[in-house]
Amino acid sequence: MTDADGSVGKVYLVGSGPGDPDLLTVKAKRLLETADVVLHDKLPGPEILGQIPEEKREDVGKRAGGEWTPQEYTNARMVELAREGKTVVRLKGGDPTVFGRGGEEMVHLAQNEIPFEVVPGITSAIAGPEAAGIPVTHRDYVSSVSFVTGHEDPTKEESAVDWAALADTGGTIVVLMGVGKLPGYTAELRKAGMDPETPVALIERATWPDQRVATGTLDTIVDVRDSEGIEPPAITVIGDVAGERDRVLEFLEGA
């Protein structure tokens, strides 16, 4: 169905950035203020979600091993609301298409002839390390970076991530949503020949008020995670650039 005058609304797939409300784009902020309904994930920061009136917020988020909303429901809800003539913001953490199922939602909206627009966000894959004093590339160390999801589709028979190939690149590896599977992929990287002394950093709730950072090496980081109690959402940075944090830590803490 459509609204009374037959018009169809529009869906905006919006990236909220890593969580700090100051890192929202101007367009994202304007759309959150004017939308009729905001369908949001778990990852937008609490300060961002707190700025949205409760009556127009709908939580359609997922957490690994916890409560979750089926993607099929979210897809159907976007179409339903748009056909009622509403302006809908589908709010995601980071950028909508960086491990955020934005590609799937774009196709679903197109197949149902629903007007939509993607509003890019600052991906936490870059902003998270930066907030911890870690550049993902550095002229002295590395000229490439790989972004990897640590939370693949559980229905896959085997992982699509070639950890051995990543170890061979010599570049920075940034793993999103991978703190739970840290033992597995760090072991794979060591098995592939990556130096066990390679620096590794874990950034929990990057840019949020309660951000925490823990550092170690490829050989020790699992023990560090456990001793520090690092929990999702967290980003893993593997590579020489992770060691840069120690060089700027004094200035970060004094900021």
C-alpha atoms as a PDB file:
ATOM      1  CA  MET A   1       0.000   0.000   0.000  1.00  0.00           C
ATOM      2  CA  THR A   2       0.968   3.664  -0.339  1.00  0.00           C
ATOM      3  CA  ASP A   3      -0.165   6.708   1.572  1.00  0.00           C
ATOM      4  CA  ALA A   4      -3.425   8.507   0.844  1.00  0.00           C
ATOM      5  CA  ASP A   5      -2.136  10.492  -2.132  1.00  0.00           C
ATOM      6  CA  GLY A   6      -0.387   7.476  -3.645  1.00  0.00           C
ATOM      7  CA  SER A   7       3.149   8.669  -2.998  1.00  0.00           C
ATOM      8  CA  VAL A   8       5.968   6.439  -1.816  1.00  0.00           C
ATOM      9  CA  GLY A   9       8.463   7.615   0.755  1.00  0.00           C
ATOM     10  CA  LYS A  10      12.220   7.276   0.611  1.00  0.00           C
ATOM     11  CA  VAL A  11      14.789   5.232   2.517  1.00  0.00           C
ATOM     12  CA  TYR A  12      18.203   6.617   3.433  1.00  0.00           C
ATOM     13  CA  LEU A  13      20.916   4.099   4.275  1.00  0.00           C
ATOM     14  CA  VAL A  14      22.960   6.262   6.628  1.00  0.00           C
ATOM     15  CA  GLY A  15      26.351   5.664   8.203  1.00  0.00           C
ATOM     16  CA  SER A  16      26.618   7.084  11.720  1.00  0.00           C
ATOM     17  CA  GLY A  17      30.405   6.892  11.896  1.00  0.00           C
ATOM     18  CA  PRO A  18      32.285   5.221  14.753  1.00  0.00           C
ATOM     19  CA  GLY A  19      30.067   6.589  17.536  1.00  0.00           C
ATOM     20  CA  ASP A  20      31.234  10.092  18.457  1.00  0.00           C
ATOM     21  CA  PRO A  21      28.322  12.403  17.528  1.00  0.00           C
ATOM     22  CA  ASP A  22      30.800  15.038  16.349  1.00  0.00           C
ATOM     23  CA  LEU A  23      31.832  12.603  13.616  1.00  0.00           C
ATOM     24  CA  LEU A  24      28.354  12.404  12.095  1.00  0.00           C
ATOM     25  CA  THR A  25      28.249  13.942   8.646  1.00  0.00           C
ATOM     26  CA  VAL A  26      26.190  17.112   8.249  1.00  0.00           C
ATOM     27  CA  LYS A  27      23.777  15.244   5.985  1.00  0.00           C
ATOM     28  CA  ALA A  28      23.364  12.364   8.434  1.00  0.00           C
ATOM     29  CA  LYS A  29      22.522  14.794  11.244  1.00  0.00           C
ATOM     30  CA  ARG A  30      19.967  16.619   9.091  1.00  0.00           C
ATOM     31  CA  LEU A  31      18.280  13.366   8.075  1.00  0.00           C
ATOM     32  CA  LEU A  32      18.063  12.154  11.677  1.00  0.00           C
ATOM     33  CA  GLU A  33      16.331  15.401  12.574  1.00  0.00           C
ATOM     34  CA  THR A  34      13.797  15.223   9.739  1.00  0.00           C
ATOM     35  CA  ALA A  35      13.103  11.476   9.341  1.00  0.00           C
ATOM     36  CA  ASP A  36       9.749  10.012  10.255  1.00  0.00           C
ATOM     37  CA  VAL A  37      11.278   6.733  11.423  1.00  0.00           C
ATOM     38  CA  VAL A  38      14.846   5.672  12.280  1.00  0.00           C
ATOM     39  CA  LEU A  39      15.615   1.955  12.063  1.00  0.00           C
ATOM     40  CA  HIS A  40      18.926   1.662  13.881  1.00  0.00           C
ATOM     41  CA  ASP A  41      21.603  -0.915  14.581  1.00  0.00           C
ATOM     42  CA  LYS A  42      23.261  -1.536  17.949  1.00  0.00           C
ATOM     43  CA  LEU A  43      26.502   0.163  16.915  1.00  0.00           C
ATOM     44  CA  PRO A  44      25.654   3.872  16.607  1.00  0.00           C
ATOM     45  CA  GLY A  45      26.999   5.481  19.780  1.00  0.00           C
ATOM     46  CA  PRO A  46      24.658   6.074  22.740  1.00  0.00           C
ATOM     47  CA  GLU A  47      25.019   9.829  22.372  1.00  0.00           C
ATOM     48  CA  ILE A  48      23.818   9.633  18.783  1.00  0.00           C
ATOM     49  CA  LEU A  49      20.846   7.412  19.603  1.00  0.00           C
ATOM     50  CA  GLY A  50      20.017   9.661  22.555  1.00  0.00           C
ATOM     51  CA  GLN A  51      19.494  12.587  20.189  1.00  0.00           C
ATOM     52  CA  ILE A  52      16.716  10.752  18.330  1.00  0.00           C
ATOM     53  CA  PRO A  53      13.229  11.071  19.850  1.00  0.00           C
ATOM     54  CA  GLU A  54      12.234   7.710  21.309  1.00  0.00           C
ATOM     55  CA  GLU A  55       8.913   7.679  19.484  1.00  0.00           C
ATOM     56  CA  LYS A  56      10.583   7.500  16.089  1.00  0.00           C
ATOM     57  CA  ARG A  57      13.361   5.039  16.971  1.00  0.00           C
ATOM     58  CA  GLU A  58      13.108   1.341  16.160  1.00  0.00           C
ATOM     59  CA  ASP A  59      15.926  -0.978  17.257  1.00  0.00           C
ATOM     60  CA  VAL A  60      16.613  -3.559  14.544  1.00  0.00           C
ATOM     61  CA  GLY A  61      20.134  -4.367  15.678  1.00  0.00           C
ATOM     62  CA  LYS A  62      22.090  -7.528  16.146  1.00  0.00           C
ATOM     63  CA  ARG A  63      24.745  -8.625  18.602  1.00  0.00           C
ATOM     64  CA  ALA A  64      26.903 -11.708  18.161  1.00  0.00           C
ATOM     65  CA  GLY A  65      25.566 -14.412  20.475  1.00  0.00           C
ATOM     66  CA  GLY A  66      22.845 -12.138  21.826  1.00  0.00           C
ATOM     67  CA  GLU A  67      19.546 -10.543  20.897  1.00  0.00           C
ATOM     68  CA  TRP A  68      19.005  -9.925  17.227  1.00  0.00           C
ATOM     69  CA  THR A  69      16.471  -8.839  14.651  1.00  0.00           C
ATOM     70  CA  PRO A  70      16.241 -10.999  11.514  1.00  0.00           C
ATOM     71  CA  GLN A  71      17.459  -9.184   8.413  1.00  0.00           C
ATOM     72  CA  GLU A  72      14.293 -10.259   6.628  1.00  0.00           C
ATOM     73  CA  TYR A  73      12.244  -8.258   9.132  1.00  0.00           C
ATOM     74  CA  THR A  74      14.387  -5.154   8.630  1.00  0.00           C
ATOM     75  CA  ASN A  75      14.100  -5.442   4.851  1.00  0.00           C
ATOM     76  CA  ALA A  76      10.322  -5.814   5.026  1.00  0.00           C
ATOM     77  CA  ARG A  77       9.984  -2.969   7.540  1.00  0.00           C
ATOM     78  CA  MET A  78      11.866  -0.518   5.301  1.00  0.00           C
ATOM     79  CA  VAL A  79       9.558  -1.330   2.399  1.00  0.00           C
ATOM     80  CA  GLU A  80       6.430  -1.170   4.562  1.00  0.00           C
ATOM     81  CA  LEU A  81       7.263   2.246   5.998  1.00  0.00           C
ATOM     82  CA  ALA A  82       8.271   3.702   2.640  1.00  0.00           C
ATOM     83  CA  ARG A  83       5.004   2.516   1.080  1.00  0.00           C
ATOM     84  CA  GLU A  84       3.205   4.413   3.839  1.00  0.00           C
ATOM     85  CA  GLY A  85       4.873   7.535   2.451  1.00  0.00           C
ATOM     86  CA  LYS A  86       7.371   7.902   5.282  1.00  0.00           C
ATOM     87  CA  THR A  87      10.943   9.155   5.169  1.00  0.00           C
ATOM     88  CA  VAL A  88      13.005   6.352   6.681  1.00  0.00           C
ATOM     89  CA  VAL A  89      16.573   6.444   7.954  1.00  0.00           C
ATOM     90  CA  ARG A  90      18.229   3.050   8.186  1.00  0.00           C
ATOM     91  CA  LEU A  91      21.012   4.018  10.593  1.00  0.00           C
ATOM     92  CA  LYS A  92      24.150   1.907  10.758  1.00  0.00           C
ATOM     93  CA  GLY A  93      27.417   2.113  12.613  1.00  0.00           C
ATOM     94  CA  GLY A  94      30.409   3.235  10.576  1.00  0.00           C
ATOM     95  CA  ASP A  95      29.693   3.190   6.849  1.00  0.00           C
ATOM     96  CA  PRO A  96      26.591   1.439   5.464  1.00  0.00           C
ATOM     97  CA  THR A  97      28.462  -0.800   3.039  1.00  0.00           C
ATOM     98  CA  VAL A  98      31.519  -1.761   5.113  1.00  0.00           C
ATOM     99  CA  PHE A  99      30.352  -5.076   6.610  1.00  0.00           C
ATOM    100  CA  GLY A 100      27.008  -3.427   7.298  1.00  0.00           C
ATOM    101  CA  ARG A 101      24.731  -5.328   4.878  1.00  0.00           C
ATOM    102  CA  GLY A 102      24.077  -2.102   3.028  1.00  0.00           C
ATOM    103  CA  GLY A 103      24.583  -3.849  -0.294  1.00  0.00           C
ATOM    104  CA  GLU A 104      21.875  -6.396   0.501  1.00  0.00           C
ATOM    105  CA  GLU A 105      19.456  -3.683   1.579  1.00  0.00           C
ATOM    106  CA  MET A 106      20.098  -1.633  -1.558  1.00  0.00           C
ATOM    107  CA  VAL A 107      19.175  -4.603  -3.732  1.00  0.00           C
ATOM    108  CA  HIS A 108      16.062  -5.354  -1.677  1.00  0.00           C
ATOM    109  CA  LEU A 109      14.834  -1.765  -1.941  1.00  0.00           C
ATOM    110  CA  ALA A 110      15.540  -1.646  -5.675  1.00  0.00           C
ATOM    111  CA  GLN A 111      13.686  -4.913  -6.264  1.00  0.00           C
ATOM    112  CA  ASN A 112      10.679  -3.472  -4.441  1.00  0.00           C
ATOM    113  CA  GLU A 113      10.898  -0.168  -6.358  1.00  0.00           C
ATOM    114  CA  ILE A 114      11.530   1.868  -3.225  1.00  0.00           C
ATOM    115  CA  PRO A 115      13.506   5.112  -3.726  1.00  0.00           C
ATOM    116  CA  PHE A 116      16.675   5.085  -1.666  1.00  0.00           C
ATOM    117  CA  GLU A 117      19.953   6.912  -1.163  1.00  0.00           C
ATOM    118  CA  VAL A 118      23.188   5.875   0.514  1.00  0.00           C
ATOM    119  CA  VAL A 119      24.728   8.431   2.873  1.00  0.00           C
ATOM    120  CA  PRO A 120      28.350   7.433   3.548  1.00  0.00           C
ATOM    121  CA  GLY A 121      29.710   7.425   7.068  1.00  0.00           C
ATOM    122  CA  ILE A 122      33.211   7.457   8.511  1.00  0.00           C
ATOM    123  CA  THR A 123      34.150   3.802   8.828  1.00  0.00           C
ATOM    124  CA  SER A 124      35.351   2.656  12.220  1.00  0.00           C
ATOM    125  CA  ALA A 125      37.971   0.574  10.413  1.00  0.00           C
ATOM    126  CA  ILE A 126      39.944   3.800   9.966  1.00  0.00           C
ATOM    127  CA  ALA A 127      38.522   6.113  12.642  1.00  0.00           C
ATOM    128  CA  GLY A 128      38.843   3.554  15.427  1.00  0.00           C
ATOM    129  CA  PRO A 129      42.589   3.055  15.046  1.00  0.00           C
ATOM    130  CA  GLU A 130      43.077   6.806  14.587  1.00  0.00           C
ATOM    131  CA  ALA A 131      41.247   7.484  17.857  1.00  0.00           C
ATOM    132  CA  ALA A 132      43.744   5.162  19.532  1.00  0.00           C
ATOM    133  CA  GLY A 133      46.754   6.902  18.000  1.00  0.00           C
ATOM    134  CA  ILE A 134      47.268   4.298  15.279  1.00  0.00           C
ATOM    135  CA  PRO A 135      47.495   5.213  11.569  1.00  0.00           C
ATOM    136  CA  VAL A 136      46.378   2.312   9.367  1.00  0.00           C
ATOM    137  CA  THR A 137      49.135   3.167   6.877  1.00  0.00           C
ATOM    138  CA  HIS A 138      52.532   4.751   7.443  1.00  0.00           C
ATOM    139  CA  ARG A 139      55.190   5.709   4.938  1.00  0.00           C
ATOM    140  CA  ASP A 140      57.945   4.169   7.059  1.00  0.00           C
ATOM    141  CA  TYR A 141      56.242   0.813   7.610  1.00  0.00           C
ATOM    142  CA  VAL A 142      53.391  -0.103   5.341  1.00  0.00           C
ATOM    143  CA  SER A 143      51.649   1.027   2.168  1.00  0.00           C
ATOM    144  CA  SER A 144      48.587  -1.240   2.197  1.00  0.00           C
ATOM    145  CA  VAL A 145      45.728  -2.079   4.522  1.00  0.00           C
ATOM    146  CA  SER A 146      43.166  -4.896   4.477  1.00  0.00           C
ATOM    147  CA  PHE A 147      39.745  -4.706   6.132  1.00  0.00           C
ATOM    148  CA  VAL A 148      38.358  -8.029   7.314  1.00  0.00           C
ATOM    149  CA  THR A 149      35.142  -9.030   9.032  1.00  0.00           C
ATOM    150  CA  GLY A 150      35.518 -11.245  12.060  1.00  0.00           C
ATOM    151  CA  HIS A 151      31.838 -12.123  11.947  1.00  0.00           C
ATOM    152  CA  GLU A 152      31.041 -13.891   8.693  1.00  0.00           C
ATOM    153  CA  ASP A 153      27.696 -15.382   7.728  1.00  0.00           C
ATOM    154  CA  PRO A 154      27.335 -18.390  10.065  1.00  0.00           C
ATOM    155  CA  THR A 155      25.665 -20.420   7.291  1.00  0.00           C
ATOM    156  CA  LYS A 156      28.908 -20.506   5.276  1.00  0.00           C
ATOM    157  CA  GLU A 157      30.509 -23.939   5.176  1.00  0.00           C
ATOM    158  CA  GLU A 158      33.986 -22.404   5.420  1.00  0.00           C
ATOM    159  CA  SER A 159      35.530 -18.991   5.913  1.00  0.00           C
ATOM    160  CA  ALA A 160      36.042 -16.786   2.873  1.00  0.00           C
ATOM    161  CA  VAL A 161      38.992 -15.066   4.568  1.00  0.00           C
ATOM    162  CA  ASP A 162      42.406 -16.254   3.372  1.00  0.00           C
ATOM    163  CA  TRP A 163      44.515 -15.499   6.436  1.00  0.00           C
ATOM    164  CA  ALA A 164      47.644 -16.955   4.839  1.00  0.00           C
ATOM    165  CA  ALA A 165      47.348 -14.537   1.916  1.00  0.00           C
ATOM    166  CA  LEU A 166      46.834 -11.643   4.321  1.00  0.00           C
ATOM    167  CA  ALA A 167      49.936 -12.648   6.245  1.00  0.00           C
ATOM    168  CA  ASP A 168      51.907 -12.567   2.997  1.00  0.00           C
ATOM    169  CA  THR A 169      50.860  -9.031   2.069  1.00  0.00           C
ATOM    170  CA  GLY A 170      52.937  -7.420   4.797  1.00  0.00           C
ATOM    171  CA  GLY A 171      50.267  -4.747   5.209  1.00  0.00           C
ATOM    172  CA  THR A 172      48.089  -3.655   8.099  1.00  0.00           C
ATOM    173  CA  ILE A 173      45.148  -5.932   8.897  1.00  0.00           C
ATOM    174  CA  VAL A 174      42.086  -4.362  10.515  1.00  0.00           C
ATOM    175  CA  VAL A 175      39.478  -6.816  11.789  1.00  0.00           C
ATOM    176  CA  LEU A 176      35.992  -5.547  12.586  1.00  0.00           C
ATOM    177  CA  MET A 177      33.682  -7.495  14.908  1.00  0.00           C
ATOM    178  CA  GLY A 178      36.452 -10.001  15.539  1.00  0.00           C
ATOM    179  CA  VAL A 179      37.279  -9.895  19.248  1.00  0.00           C
ATOM    180  CA  GLY A 180      35.401 -13.129  19.910  1.00  0.00           C
ATOM    181  CA  LYS A 181      37.277 -15.054  17.244  1.00  0.00           C
ATOM    182  CA  LEU A 182      40.655 -13.535  18.089  1.00  0.00           C
ATOM    183  CA  PRO A 183      42.277 -16.867  19.098  1.00  0.00           C
ATOM    184  CA  GLY A 184      41.401 -18.453  15.779  1.00  0.00           C
ATOM    185  CA  TYR A 185      42.684 -15.879  13.354  1.00  0.00           C
ATOM    186  CA  THR A 186      45.799 -14.944  15.330  1.00  0.00           C
ATOM    187  CA  ALA A 187      46.713 -18.625  15.292  1.00  0.00           C
ATOM    188  CA  GLU A 188      46.083 -18.750  11.537  1.00  0.00           C
ATOM    189  CA  LEU A 189      48.366 -15.776  10.977  1.00  0.00           C
ATOM    190  CA  ARG A 190      51.157 -17.301  13.073  1.00  0.00           C
ATOM    191  CA  LYS A 191      50.725 -20.583  11.229  1.00  0.00           C
ATOM    192  CA  ALA A 192      51.104 -18.684   7.947  1.00  0.00           C
ATOM    193  CA  GLY A 193      54.458 -17.344   9.086  1.00  0.00           C
ATOM    194  CA  MET A 194      53.628 -13.926  10.505  1.00  0.00           C
ATOM    195  CA  ASP A 195      56.109 -12.865  13.180  1.00  0.00           C
ATOM    196  CA  PRO A 196      54.645 -13.656  16.644  1.00  0.00           C
ATOM    197  CA  GLU A 197      56.103 -10.334  17.851  1.00  0.00           C
ATOM    198  CA  THR A 198      53.976  -8.333  15.383  1.00  0.00           C
ATOM    199  CA  PRO A 199      52.236  -5.527  17.339  1.00  0.00           C
ATOM    200  CA  VAL A 200      48.477  -5.864  17.832  1.00  0.00           C
ATOM    201  CA  ALA A 201      45.963  -3.438  19.325  1.00  0.00           C
ATOM    202  CA  LEU A 202      42.369  -3.951  20.432  1.00  0.00           C
ATOM    203  CA  ILE A 203      40.132  -0.872  20.496  1.00  0.00           C
ATOM    204  CA  GLU A 204      36.867  -1.308  22.376  1.00  0.00           C
ATOM    205  CA  ARG A 205      34.035   1.163  21.729  1.00  0.00           C
ATOM    206  CA  ALA A 206      36.239   3.372  19.583  1.00  0.00           C
ATOM    207  CA  THR A 207      35.488   7.137  19.938  1.00  0.00           C
ATOM    208  CA  TRP A 208      32.783   6.436  22.551  1.00  0.00           C
ATOM    209  CA  PRO A 209      33.160   8.085  25.983  1.00  0.00           C
ATOM    210  CA  ASP A 210      34.203   4.719  27.477  1.00  0.00           C
ATOM    211  CA  GLN A 211      36.720   3.783  24.779  1.00  0.00           C
ATOM    212  CA  ARG A 212      39.417   1.348  25.928  1.00  0.00           C
ATOM    213  CA  VAL A 213      42.606   0.194  24.203  1.00  0.00           C
ATOM    214  CA  ALA A 214      44.738  -2.860  24.924  1.00  0.00           C
ATOM    215  CA  THR A 215      47.983  -3.711  23.155  1.00  0.00           C
ATOM    216  CA  GLY A 216      50.193  -6.753  22.799  1.00  0.00           C
ATOM    217  CA  THR A 217      51.696  -8.925  20.117  1.00  0.00           C
ATOM    218  CA  LEU A 218      50.315 -11.600  17.829  1.00  0.00           C
ATOM    219  CA  ASP A 219      51.544 -14.103  20.412  1.00  0.00           C
ATOM    220  CA  THR A 220      50.163 -12.396  23.540  1.00  0.00           C
ATOM    221  CA  ILE A 221      47.050 -10.506  22.468  1.00  0.00           C
ATOM    222  CA  VAL A 222      44.566 -13.244  23.402  1.00  0.00           C
ATOM    223  CA  ASP A 223      45.882 -13.254  26.971  1.00  0.00           C
ATOM    224  CA  VAL A 224      45.777  -9.447  26.969  1.00  0.00           C
ATOM    225  CA  ARG A 225      42.148  -9.514  25.787  1.00  0.00           C
ATOM    226  CA  ASP A 226      41.204 -11.878  28.588  1.00  0.00           C
ATOM    227  CA  SER A 227      43.117 -10.074  31.325  1.00  0.00           C
ATOM    228  CA  GLU A 228      41.777  -6.660  30.286  1.00  0.00           C
ATOM    229  CA  GLY A 229      38.246  -7.943  29.700  1.00  0.00           C
ATOM    230  CA  ILE A 230      37.971  -6.453  26.213  1.00  0.00           C
ATOM    231  CA  GLU A 231      34.486  -7.049  24.809  1.00  0.00           C
ATOM    232  CA  PRO A 232      32.554  -6.271  21.608  1.00  0.00           C
ATOM    233  CA  PRO A 233      32.262  -3.952  19.848  1.00  0.00           C
ATOM    234  CA  ALA A 234      36.006  -3.888  19.316  1.00  0.00           C
ATOM    235  CA  ILE A 235      38.430  -3.461  16.434  1.00  0.00           C
ATOM    236  CA  THR A 236      41.652  -5.414  16.027  1.00  0.00           C
ATOM    237  CA  VAL A 237      44.662  -3.780  14.359  1.00  0.00           C
ATOM    238  CA  ILE A 238      47.508  -6.094  13.371  1.00  0.00           C
ATOM    239  CA  GLY A 239      50.794  -4.774  12.029  1.00  0.00           C
ATOM    240  CA  ASP A 240      53.748  -2.532  12.739  1.00  0.00           C
ATOM    241  CA  VAL A 241      51.493   0.550  12.801  1.00  0.00           C
ATOM    242  CA  ALA A 242      49.939  -0.722  16.037  1.00  0.00           C
ATOM    243  CA  GLY A 243      53.256   0.025  17.700  1.00  0.00           C
ATOM    244  CA  GLU A 244      52.887   3.715  16.848  1.00  0.00           C
ATOM    245  CA  ARG A 245      50.426   4.128  19.715  1.00  0.00           C
ATOM    246  CA  ASP A 246      53.246   3.951  22.263  1.00  0.00           C
ATOM    247  CA  ARG A 247      55.014   6.872  20.570  1.00  0.00           C
ATOM    248  CA  VAL A 248      52.029   9.207  20.946  1.00  0.00           C
ATOM    249  CA  LEU A 249      50.326   7.801  24.049  1.00  0.00           C
ATOM    250  CA  GLU A 250      51.500  10.569  26.394  1.00  0.00           C
ATOM    251  CA  PHE A 251      49.968  13.224  24.128  1.00  0.00           C
ATOM    252  CA  LEU A 252      46.720  11.270  23.655  1.00  0.00           C
ATOM    253  CA  GLU A 253      46.193  10.932  27.405  1.00  0.00           C
ATOM    254  CA  GLY A 254      46.887  14.627  27.922  1.00  0.00           C
ATOM    255  CA  ALA A 255      44.456  15.761  25.237  1.00  0.00           C
END
